[in-house]
Amino acid sequence: MPVTLENGETLNVITLEDAVNIADAGNLKSLLIRALANRNETHIVLEHATDLDVTAVQLLWATQHEARRCGIGFTFEGTVPKEISAALADAGFEKLSVSENR
C-alpha cells in the first residue's frame, strides 16, 4: 500500500511510497483527516515515493495549510527526493521544512 499512517501519543507519521496517484487519493485524504483530527504533530515521509500526482500534492498542500491554521505541526521527515521536492515547491509550499528525527 503506497500510503500508511502510524499514530503515536504525540506524533502522526504518514508514509508515502512508490507512485501516489488519483487511485490512492481517497485513502490519503482519509489518513490526513485522521491525522489532523487528533491534533498531533504530523510528519510526512516521502523517502520512498517515486511520484506524486497533482491530487496527492493538492491534498498535502491543503493539509499543511489547515495544520498551520490550527497550530498543528506539519513537516516532511527525512530525505525528500529531488523530483518530489520540485513538485511540492511548484505547488506553492513556501518552505519545504524537513525534520530528520521522529
PDB file of N, CA and C in Angstrom:
ATOM      1  N   MET A   1       0.856  -1.183   0.000  1.00  0.00           N
ATOM      2  CA  MET A   1       0.000   0.000   0.000  1.00  0.00           C
ATOM      3  C   MET A   1       0.894   1.235   0.000  1.00  0.00           C
ATOM      4  N   PRO A   2       0.669   2.175  -0.897  1.00  0.00           N
ATOM      5  CA  PRO A   2       1.555   3.326  -1.002  1.00  0.00           C
ATOM      6  C   PRO A   2       1.367   4.387   0.081  1.00  0.00           C
ATOM      7  N   VAL A   3       0.320   4.318   0.892  1.00  0.00           N
ATOM      8  CA  VAL A   3       0.088   5.340   1.912  1.00  0.00           C
ATOM      9  C   VAL A   3      -0.269   4.652   3.221  1.00  0.00           C
ATOM     10  N   THR A   4       0.500   4.962   4.286  1.00  0.00           N
ATOM     11  CA  THR A   4       0.217   4.385   5.602  1.00  0.00           C
ATOM     12  C   THR A   4       0.293   5.471   6.671  1.00  0.00           C
ATOM     13  N   LEU A   5      -0.373   5.217   7.792  1.00  0.00           N
ATOM     14  CA  LEU A   5      -0.382   6.142   8.924  1.00  0.00           C
ATOM     15  C   LEU A   5       0.003   5.395  10.180  1.00  0.00           C
ATOM     16  N   GLU A   6       0.953   5.947  10.923  1.00  0.00           N
ATOM     17  CA  GLU A   6       1.300   5.475  12.261  1.00  0.00           C
ATOM     18  C   GLU A   6       0.859   6.562  13.234  1.00  0.00           C
ATOM     19  N   ASN A   7      -0.056   6.218  14.130  1.00  0.00           N
ATOM     20  CA  ASN A   7      -0.496   7.165  15.155  1.00  0.00           C
ATOM     21  C   ASN A   7       0.279   6.893  16.427  1.00  0.00           C
ATOM     22  N   GLY A   8       0.937   7.905  16.948  1.00  0.00           N
ATOM     23  CA  GLY A   8       1.625   7.791  18.220  1.00  0.00           C
ATOM     24  C   GLY A   8       0.933   8.662  19.256  1.00  0.00           C
ATOM     25  N   GLU A   9       1.496   8.691  20.432  1.00  0.00           N
ATOM     26  CA  GLU A   9       0.933   9.509  21.516  1.00  0.00           C
ATOM     27  C   GLU A   9       0.908  10.994  21.155  1.00  0.00           C
ATOM     28  N   THR A  10       2.000  11.461  20.531  1.00  0.00           N
ATOM     29  CA  THR A  10       2.108  12.887  20.217  1.00  0.00           C
ATOM     30  C   THR A  10       2.475  13.155  18.763  1.00  0.00           C
ATOM     31  N   LEU A  11       2.655  12.097  17.980  1.00  0.00           N
ATOM     32  CA  LEU A  11       3.126  12.274  16.614  1.00  0.00           C
ATOM     33  C   LEU A  11       2.426  11.313  15.665  1.00  0.00           C
ATOM     34  N   ASN A  12       1.987  11.842  14.535  1.00  0.00           N
ATOM     35  CA  ASN A  12       1.475  11.028  13.426  1.00  0.00           C
ATOM     36  C   ASN A  12       2.567  10.968  12.374  1.00  0.00           C
ATOM     37  N   VAL A  13       2.768   9.792  11.794  1.00  0.00           N
ATOM     38  CA  VAL A  13       3.714   9.661  10.691  1.00  0.00           C
ATOM     39  C   VAL A  13       2.971   9.031   9.517  1.00  0.00           C
ATOM     40  N   ILE A  14       2.873   9.798   8.426  1.00  0.00           N
ATOM     41  CA  ILE A  14       2.245   9.301   7.206  1.00  0.00           C
ATOM     42  C   ILE A  14       3.355   9.049   6.197  1.00  0.00           C
ATOM     43  N   THR A  15       3.415   7.822   5.706  1.00  0.00           N
ATOM     44  CA  THR A  15       4.457   7.427   4.762  1.00  0.00           C
ATOM     45  C   THR A  15       3.832   7.199   3.391  1.00  0.00           C
ATOM     46  N   LEU A  16       4.428   7.834   2.384  1.00  0.00           N
ATOM     47  CA  LEU A  16       4.004   7.643   1.001  1.00  0.00           C
ATOM     48  C   LEU A  16       5.118   6.907   0.282  1.00  0.00           C
ATOM     49  N   GLU A  17       4.772   5.819  -0.412  1.00  0.00           N
ATOM     50  CA  GLU A  17       5.755   5.020  -1.127  1.00  0.00           C
ATOM     51  C   GLU A  17       5.338   4.841  -2.576  1.00  0.00           C
ATOM     52  N   ASP A  18       6.332   4.620  -3.403  1.00  0.00           N
ATOM     53  CA  ASP A  18       6.121   4.387  -4.827  1.00  0.00           C
ATOM     54  C   ASP A  18       5.375   5.576  -5.440  1.00  0.00           C
ATOM     55  N   ALA A  19       4.577   5.322  -6.454  1.00  0.00           N
ATOM     56  CA  ALA A  19       3.798   6.381  -7.093  1.00  0.00           C
ATOM     57  C   ALA A  19       2.464   6.518  -6.367  1.00  0.00           C
ATOM     58  N   VAL A  20       2.154   7.742  -5.944  1.00  0.00           N
ATOM     59  CA  VAL A  20       0.882   8.022  -5.277  1.00  0.00           C
ATOM     60  C   VAL A  20       0.065   8.861  -6.246  1.00  0.00           C
ATOM     61  N   ASN A  21      -1.102   8.325  -6.635  1.00  0.00           N
ATOM     62  CA  ASN A  21      -1.883   8.990  -7.674  1.00  0.00           C
ATOM     63  C   ASN A  21      -3.360   9.017  -7.305  1.00  0.00           C
ATOM     64  N   ILE A  22      -4.184   9.357  -8.251  1.00  0.00           N
ATOM     65  CA  ILE A  22      -5.619   9.520  -8.025  1.00  0.00           C
ATOM     66  C   ILE A  22      -6.255   8.268  -7.419  1.00  0.00           C
ATOM     67  N   ALA A  23      -5.742   7.110  -7.746  1.00  0.00           N
ATOM     68  CA  ALA A  23      -6.290   5.866  -7.191  1.00  0.00           C
ATOM     69  C   ALA A  23      -6.068   5.780  -5.680  1.00  0.00           C
ATOM     70  N   ASP A  24      -5.056   6.481  -5.180  1.00  0.00           N
ATOM     71  CA  ASP A  24      -4.734   6.471  -3.749  1.00  0.00           C
ATOM     72  C   ASP A  24      -5.304   7.687  -3.011  1.00  0.00           C
ATOM     73  N   ALA A  25      -5.928   8.592  -3.740  1.00  0.00           N
ATOM     74  CA  ALA A  25      -6.359   9.864  -3.161  1.00  0.00           C
ATOM     75  C   ALA A  25      -7.349   9.699  -2.014  1.00  0.00           C
ATOM     76  N   GLY A  26      -8.294   8.803  -2.143  1.00  0.00           N
ATOM     77  CA  GLY A  26      -9.281   8.608  -1.076  1.00  0.00           C
ATOM     78  C   GLY A  26      -8.632   8.153   0.209  1.00  0.00           C
ATOM     79  N   ASN A  27      -7.719   7.194   0.108  1.00  0.00           N
ATOM     80  CA  ASN A  27      -7.014   6.699   1.288  1.00  0.00           C
ATOM     81  C   ASN A  27      -6.125   7.786   1.875  1.00  0.00           C
ATOM     82  N   LEU A  28      -5.387   8.506   1.032  1.00  0.00           N
ATOM     83  CA  LEU A  28      -4.524   9.579   1.515  1.00  0.00           C
ATOM     84  C   LEU A  28      -5.346  10.647   2.225  1.00  0.00           C
ATOM     85  N   LYS A  29      -6.436  11.055   1.630  1.00  0.00           N
ATOM     86  CA  LYS A  29      -7.293  12.080   2.250  1.00  0.00           C
ATOM     87  C   LYS A  29      -7.802  11.606   3.602  1.00  0.00           C
ATOM     88  N   SER A  30      -8.260  10.376   3.680  1.00  0.00           N
ATOM     89  CA  SER A  30      -8.768   9.822   4.932  1.00  0.00           C
ATOM     90  C   SER A  30      -7.694   9.833   6.026  1.00  0.00           C
ATOM     91  N   LEU A  31      -6.478   9.432   5.681  1.00  0.00           N
ATOM     92  CA  LEU A  31      -5.399   9.402   6.666  1.00  0.00           C
ATOM     93  C   LEU A  31      -4.985  10.801   7.090  1.00  0.00           C
ATOM     94  N   LEU A  32      -4.967  11.740   6.155  1.00  0.00           N
ATOM     95  CA  LEU A  32      -4.637  13.119   6.502  1.00  0.00           C
ATOM     96  C   LEU A  32      -5.692  13.729   7.428  1.00  0.00           C
ATOM     97  N   ILE A  33      -6.946  13.444   7.172  1.00  0.00           N
ATOM     98  CA  ILE A  33      -8.026  13.941   8.039  1.00  0.00           C
ATOM     99  C   ILE A  33      -7.899  13.342   9.435  1.00  0.00           C
ATOM    100  N   ARG A  34      -7.625  12.042   9.509  1.00  0.00           N
ATOM    101  CA  ARG A  34      -7.434  11.392  10.817  1.00  0.00           C
ATOM    102  C   ARG A  34      -6.266  12.018  11.572  1.00  0.00           C
ATOM    103  N   ALA A  35      -5.202  12.312  10.856  1.00  0.00           N
ATOM    104  CA  ALA A  35      -4.033  12.917  11.491  1.00  0.00           C
ATOM    105  C   ALA A  35      -4.363  14.302  12.052  1.00  0.00           C
ATOM    106  N   LEU A  36      -5.082  15.108  11.295  1.00  0.00           N
ATOM    107  CA  LEU A  36      -5.461  16.442  11.785  1.00  0.00           C
ATOM    108  C   LEU A  36      -6.445  16.360  12.936  1.00  0.00           C
ATOM    109  N   ALA A  37      -7.321  15.381  12.889  1.00  0.00           N
ATOM    110  CA  ALA A  37      -8.371  15.272  13.910  1.00  0.00           C
ATOM    111  C   ALA A  37      -7.803  15.021  15.298  1.00  0.00           C
ATOM    112  N   ASN A  38      -6.701  14.285  15.395  1.00  0.00           N
ATOM    113  CA  ASN A  38      -6.168  14.031  16.741  1.00  0.00           C
ATOM    114  C   ASN A  38      -5.209  15.125  17.200  1.00  0.00           C
ATOM    115  N   ARG A  39      -4.976  16.114  16.344  1.00  0.00           N
ATOM    116  CA  ARG A  39      -4.238  17.334  16.664  1.00  0.00           C
ATOM    117  C   ARG A  39      -2.779  17.096  17.053  1.00  0.00           C
ATOM    118  N   ASN A  40      -2.237  15.918  16.743  1.00  0.00           N
ATOM    119  CA  ASN A  40      -0.820  15.654  16.966  1.00  0.00           C
ATOM    120  C   ASN A  40      -0.005  16.238  15.823  1.00  0.00           C
ATOM    121  N   GLU A  41       1.243  16.529  16.116  1.00  0.00           N
ATOM    122  CA  GLU A  41       2.163  16.924  15.056  1.00  0.00           C
ATOM    123  C   GLU A  41       2.173  15.819  14.008  1.00  0.00           C
ATOM    124  N   THR A  42       2.272  16.201  12.758  1.00  0.00           N
ATOM    125  CA  THR A  42       2.254  15.227  11.667  1.00  0.00           C
ATOM    126  C   THR A  42       3.511  15.361  10.825  1.00  0.00           C
ATOM    127  N   HIS A  43       4.160  14.218  10.607  1.00  0.00           N
ATOM    128  CA  HIS A  43       5.324  14.161   9.726  1.00  0.00           C
ATOM    129  C   HIS A  43       4.950  13.342   8.502  1.00  0.00           C
ATOM    130  N   ILE A  44       5.369  13.817   7.353  1.00  0.00           N
ATOM    131  CA  ILE A  44       5.144  13.126   6.090  1.00  0.00           C
ATOM    132  C   ILE A  44       6.487  12.570   5.608  1.00  0.00           C
ATOM    133  N   VAL A  45       6.536  11.262   5.382  1.00  0.00           N
ATOM    134  CA  VAL A  45       7.765  10.609   4.927  1.00  0.00           C
ATOM    135  C   VAL A  45       7.619  10.313   3.437  1.00  0.00           C
ATOM    136  N   LEU A  46       8.534  10.880   2.658  1.00  0.00           N
ATOM    137  CA  LEU A  46       8.483  10.733   1.197  1.00  0.00           C
ATOM    138  C   LEU A  46       9.717  10.048   0.629  1.00  0.00           C
ATOM    139  N   GLU A  47      10.585   9.545   1.486  1.00  0.00           N
ATOM    140  CA  GLU A  47      11.863   8.967   1.040  1.00  0.00           C
ATOM    141  C   GLU A  47      11.713   7.909  -0.043  1.00  0.00           C
ATOM    142  N   HIS A  48      10.648   7.111   0.029  1.00  0.00           N
ATOM    143  CA  HIS A  48      10.473   6.018  -0.923  1.00  0.00           C
ATOM    144  C   HIS A  48       9.384   6.306  -1.960  1.00  0.00           C
ATOM    145  N   ALA A  49       8.960   7.554  -2.021  1.00  0.00           N
ATOM    146  CA  ALA A  49       7.984   7.940  -3.042  1.00  0.00           C
ATOM    147  C   ALA A  49       8.721   8.161  -4.357  1.00  0.00           C
ATOM    148  N   THR A  50       8.128   7.694  -5.431  1.00  0.00           N
ATOM    149  CA  THR A  50       8.743   7.885  -6.745  1.00  0.00           C
ATOM    150  C   THR A  50       8.024   8.947  -7.561  1.00  0.00           C
ATOM    151  N   ASP A  51       6.746   9.183  -7.238  1.00  0.00           N
ATOM    152  CA  ASP A  51       5.972  10.177  -7.982  1.00  0.00           C
ATOM    153  C   ASP A  51       4.733  10.538  -7.176  1.00  0.00           C
ATOM    154  N   LEU A  52       4.389  11.809  -7.167  1.00  0.00           N
ATOM    155  CA  LEU A  52       3.136  12.282  -6.583  1.00  0.00           C
ATOM    156  C   LEU A  52       2.387  12.993  -7.685  1.00  0.00           C
ATOM    157  N   ASP A  53       1.157  12.555  -7.958  1.00  0.00           N
ATOM    158  CA  ASP A  53       0.392  13.278  -8.970  1.00  0.00           C
ATOM    159  C   ASP A  53      -0.202  14.530  -8.342  1.00  0.00           C
ATOM    160  N   VAL A  54      -0.840  15.324  -9.155  1.00  0.00           N
ATOM    161  CA  VAL A  54      -1.362  16.612  -8.697  1.00  0.00           C
ATOM    162  C   VAL A  54      -2.376  16.438  -7.562  1.00  0.00           C
ATOM    163  N   THR A  55      -3.125  15.355  -7.560  1.00  0.00           N
ATOM    164  CA  THR A  55      -4.098  15.116  -6.494  1.00  0.00           C
ATOM    165  C   THR A  55      -3.401  14.952  -5.151  1.00  0.00           C
ATOM    166  N   ALA A  56      -2.342  14.164  -5.111  1.00  0.00           N
ATOM    167  CA  ALA A  56      -1.596  13.952  -3.868  1.00  0.00           C
ATOM    168  C   ALA A  56      -0.964  15.258  -3.398  1.00  0.00           C
ATOM    169  N   VAL A  57      -0.393  16.004  -4.314  1.00  0.00           N
ATOM    170  CA  VAL A  57       0.229  17.281  -3.956  1.00  0.00           C
ATOM    171  C   VAL A  57      -0.817  18.248  -3.399  1.00  0.00           C
ATOM    172  N   GLN A  58      -1.986  18.307  -4.027  1.00  0.00           N
ATOM    173  CA  GLN A  58      -3.055  19.197  -3.548  1.00  0.00           C
ATOM    174  C   GLN A  58      -3.512  18.796  -2.147  1.00  0.00           C
ATOM    175  N   LEU A  59      -3.633  17.490  -1.896  1.00  0.00           N
ATOM    176  CA  LEU A  59      -4.039  17.032  -0.569  1.00  0.00           C
ATOM    177  C   LEU A  59      -2.995  17.401   0.486  1.00  0.00           C
ATOM    178  N   LEU A  60      -1.726  17.230   0.170  1.00  0.00           N
ATOM    179  CA  LEU A  60      -0.667  17.607   1.111  1.00  0.00           C
ATOM    180  C   LEU A  60      -0.661  19.112   1.346  1.00  0.00           C
ATOM    181  N   TRP A  61      -0.832  19.895   0.292  1.00  0.00           N
ATOM    182  CA  TRP A  61      -0.855  21.348   0.430  1.00  0.00           C
ATOM    183  C   TRP A  61      -2.020  21.786   1.313  1.00  0.00           C
ATOM    184  N   ALA A  62      -3.205  21.250   1.051  1.00  0.00           N
ATOM    185  CA  ALA A  62      -4.386  21.622   1.840  1.00  0.00           C
ATOM    186  C   ALA A  62      -4.219  21.223   3.301  1.00  0.00           C
ATOM    187  N   THR A  63      -3.613  20.072   3.539  1.00  0.00           N
ATOM    188  CA  THR A  63      -3.398  19.623   4.915  1.00  0.00           C
ATOM    189  C   THR A  63      -2.389  20.517   5.617  1.00  0.00           C
ATOM    190  N   GLN A  64      -1.313  20.870   4.922  1.00  0.00           N
ATOM    191  CA  GLN A  64      -0.343  21.776   5.530  1.00  0.00           C
ATOM    192  C   GLN A  64      -0.997  23.111   5.884  1.00  0.00           C
ATOM    193  N   HIS A  65      -1.797  23.630   4.986  1.00  0.00           N
ATOM    194  CA  HIS A  65      -2.488  24.895   5.214  1.00  0.00           C
ATOM    195  C   HIS A  65      -3.407  24.801   6.445  1.00  0.00           C
ATOM    196  N   GLU A  66      -4.193  23.741   6.525  1.00  0.00           N
ATOM    197  CA  GLU A  66      -5.115  23.555   7.652  1.00  0.00           C
ATOM    198  C   GLU A  66      -4.354  23.331   8.956  1.00  0.00           C
ATOM    199  N   ALA A  67      -3.273  22.571   8.907  1.00  0.00           N
ATOM    200  CA  ALA A  67      -2.467  22.336  10.110  1.00  0.00           C
ATOM    201  C   ALA A  67      -1.919  23.660  10.646  1.00  0.00           C
ATOM    202  N   ARG A  68      -1.395  24.477   9.766  1.00  0.00           N
ATOM    203  CA  ARG A  68      -0.874  25.784  10.205  1.00  0.00           C
ATOM    204  C   ARG A  68      -1.981  26.652  10.785  1.00  0.00           C
ATOM    205  N   ARG A  69      -3.134  26.634  10.146  1.00  0.00           N
ATOM    206  CA  ARG A  69      -4.264  27.427  10.633  1.00  0.00           C
ATOM    207  C   ARG A  69      -4.665  27.008  12.038  1.00  0.00           C
ATOM    208  N   CYS A  70      -4.552  25.708  12.312  1.00  0.00           N
ATOM    209  CA  CYS A  70      -4.951  25.156  13.611  1.00  0.00           C
ATOM    210  C   CYS A  70      -3.804  25.077  14.614  1.00  0.00           C
ATOM    211  N   GLY A  71      -2.619  25.487  14.211  1.00  0.00           N
ATOM    212  CA  GLY A  71      -1.478  25.440  15.119  1.00  0.00           C
ATOM    213  C   GLY A  71      -0.918  24.038  15.332  1.00  0.00           C
ATOM    214  N   ILE A  72      -1.086  23.175  14.351  1.00  0.00           N
ATOM    215  CA  ILE A  72      -0.595  21.803  14.423  1.00  0.00           C
ATOM    216  C   ILE A  72       0.685  21.710  13.584  1.00  0.00           C
ATOM    217  N   GLY A  73       1.722  21.097  14.137  1.00  0.00           N
ATOM    218  CA  GLY A  73       2.969  20.932  13.401  1.00  0.00           C
ATOM    219  C   GLY A  73       2.788  20.007  12.200  1.00  0.00           C
ATOM    220  N   PHE A  74       3.371  20.385  11.081  1.00  0.00           N
ATOM    221  CA  PHE A  74       3.287  19.596   9.849  1.00  0.00           C
ATOM    222  C   PHE A  74       4.599  19.759   9.112  1.00  0.00           C
ATOM    223  N   THR A  75       5.381  18.679   9.041  1.00  0.00           N
ATOM    224  CA  THR A  75       6.676  18.748   8.367  1.00  0.00           C
ATOM    225  C   THR A  75       6.912  17.484   7.548  1.00  0.00           C
ATOM    226  N   PHE A  76       7.905  17.570   6.696  1.00  0.00           N
ATOM    227  CA  PHE A  76       8.366  16.419   5.935  1.00  0.00           C
ATOM    228  C   PHE A  76       9.565  15.851   6.677  1.00  0.00           C
ATOM    229  N   GLU A  77       9.629  14.546   6.758  1.00  0.00           N
ATOM    230  CA  GLU A  77      10.667  13.881   7.542  1.00  0.00           C
ATOM    231  C   GLU A  77      11.640  13.162   6.620  1.00  0.00           C
ATOM    232  N   GLY A  78      12.924  13.286   6.938  1.00  0.00           N
ATOM    233  CA  GLY A  78      13.939  12.563   6.189  1.00  0.00           C
ATOM    234  C   GLY A  78      14.239  13.199   4.848  1.00  0.00           C
ATOM    235  N   THR A  79      14.777  12.408   3.974  1.00  0.00           N
ATOM    236  CA  THR A  79      15.171  12.872   2.650  1.00  0.00           C
ATOM    237  C   THR A  79      13.965  12.904   1.721  1.00  0.00           C
ATOM    238  N   VAL A  80      13.763  14.030   1.076  1.00  0.00           N
ATOM    239  CA  VAL A  80      12.688  14.161   0.088  1.00  0.00           C
ATOM    240  C   VAL A  80      13.346  14.076  -1.291  1.00  0.00           C
ATOM    241  N   PRO A  81      12.945  13.113  -2.110  1.00  0.00           N
ATOM    242  CA  PRO A  81      13.542  13.001  -3.451  1.00  0.00           C
ATOM    243  C   PRO A  81      13.442  14.324  -4.218  1.00  0.00           C
ATOM    244  N   LYS A  82      14.466  14.601  -4.989  1.00  0.00           N
ATOM    245  CA  LYS A  82      14.577  15.869  -5.726  1.00  0.00           C
ATOM    246  C   LYS A  82      13.343  16.157  -6.584  1.00  0.00           C
ATOM    247  N   GLU A  83      12.850  15.163  -7.300  1.00  0.00           N
ATOM    248  CA  GLU A  83      11.691  15.368  -8.176  1.00  0.00           C
ATOM    249  C   GLU A  83      10.437  15.711  -7.364  1.00  0.00           C
ATOM    250  N   ILE A  84      10.294  15.059  -6.215  1.00  0.00           N
ATOM    251  CA  ILE A  84       9.131  15.307  -5.345  1.00  0.00           C
ATOM    252  C   ILE A  84       9.245  16.701  -4.737  1.00  0.00           C
ATOM    253  N   SER A  85      10.439  17.048  -4.294  1.00  0.00           N
ATOM    254  CA  SER A  85      10.667  18.364  -3.713  1.00  0.00           C
ATOM    255  C   SER A  85      10.328  19.463  -4.718  1.00  0.00           C
ATOM    256  N   ALA A  86      10.731  19.279  -5.968  1.00  0.00           N
ATOM    257  CA  ALA A  86      10.436  20.263  -7.015  1.00  0.00           C
ATOM    258  C   ALA A  86       8.934  20.371  -7.260  1.00  0.00           C
ATOM    259  N   ALA A  87       8.237  19.235  -7.271  1.00  0.00           N
ATOM    260  CA  ALA A  87       6.782  19.255  -7.483  1.00  0.00           C
ATOM    261  C   ALA A  87       6.086  19.982  -6.340  1.00  0.00           C
ATOM    262  N   LEU A  88       6.547  19.756  -5.113  1.00  0.00           N
ATOM    263  CA  LEU A  88       5.938  20.427  -3.962  1.00  0.00           C
ATOM    264  C   LEU A  88       6.210  21.927  -3.997  1.00  0.00           C
ATOM    265  N   ALA A  89       7.418  22.307  -4.362  1.00  0.00           N
ATOM    266  CA  ALA A  89       7.745  23.733  -4.474  1.00  0.00           C
ATOM    267  C   ALA A  89       6.896  24.394  -5.545  1.00  0.00           C
ATOM    268  N   ASP A  90       6.715  23.728  -6.678  1.00  0.00           N
ATOM    269  CA  ASP A  90       5.882  24.260  -7.759  1.00  0.00           C
ATOM    270  C   ASP A  90       4.434  24.422  -7.332  1.00  0.00           C
ATOM    271  N   ALA A  91       3.995  23.590  -6.368  1.00  0.00           N
ATOM    272  CA  ALA A  91       2.609  23.642  -5.902  1.00  0.00           C
ATOM    273  C   ALA A  91       2.374  24.737  -4.867  1.00  0.00           C
ATOM    274  N   GLY A  92       3.429  25.404  -4.426  1.00  0.00           N
ATOM    275  CA  GLY A  92       3.234  26.520  -3.519  1.00  0.00           C
ATOM    276  C   GLY A  92       3.638  26.281  -2.090  1.00  0.00           C
ATOM    277  N   PHE A  93       4.312  25.174  -1.798  1.00  0.00           N
ATOM    278  CA  PHE A  93       4.841  25.020  -0.454  1.00  0.00           C
ATOM    279  C   PHE A  93       5.901  26.096  -0.285  1.00  0.00           C
ATOM    280  N   GLU A  94       5.649  27.049   0.643  1.00  0.00           N
ATOM    281  CA  GLU A  94       6.564  28.170   0.799  1.00  0.00           C
ATOM    282  C   GLU A  94       7.963  27.698   1.145  1.00  0.00           C
ATOM    283  N   LYS A  95       8.044  26.784   2.077  1.00  0.00           N
ATOM    284  CA  LYS A  95       9.331  26.267   2.510  1.00  0.00           C
ATOM    285  C   LYS A  95       9.122  24.794   2.787  1.00  0.00           C
ATOM    286  N   LEU A  96       9.981  23.984   2.257  1.00  0.00           N
ATOM    287  CA  LEU A  96       9.879  22.540   2.467  1.00  0.00           C
ATOM    288  C   LEU A  96      10.650  22.233   3.741  1.00  0.00           C
ATOM    289  N   SER A  97       9.967  22.350   4.889  1.00  0.00           N
ATOM    290  CA  SER A  97      10.637  22.071   6.153  1.00  0.00           C
ATOM    291  C   SER A  97      10.750  20.563   6.336  1.00  0.00           C
ATOM    292  N   VAL A  98      11.949  20.137   6.708  1.00  0.00           N
ATOM    293  CA  VAL A  98      12.215  18.713   6.839  1.00  0.00           C
ATOM    294  C   VAL A  98      12.758  18.434   8.225  1.00  0.00           C
ATOM    295  N   SER A  99      12.169  17.472   8.890  1.00  0.00           N
ATOM    296  CA  SER A  99      12.631  17.007  10.190  1.00  0.00           C
ATOM    297  C   SER A  99      13.421  15.731   9.981  1.00  0.00           C
ATOM    298  N   GLU A 100      14.571  15.627  10.615  1.00  0.00           N
ATOM    299  CA  GLU A 100      15.404  14.429  10.461  1.00  0.00           C
ATOM    300  C   GLU A 100      15.045  13.353  11.475  1.00  0.00           C
ATOM    301  N   ASN A 101      14.316  13.676  12.509  1.00  0.00           N
ATOM    302  CA  ASN A 101      14.015  12.718  13.594  1.00  0.00           C
ATOM    303  C   ASN A 101      12.538  12.490  13.747  1.00  0.00           C
ATOM    304  N   ARG A 102      12.234  11.376  14.428  1.00  0.00           N
ATOM    305  CA  ARG A 102      10.842  11.115  14.811  1.00  0.00           C
ATOM    306  C   ARG A 102      10.688  11.497  16.219  1.00  0.00           C
TER     307      ARG A 102
END
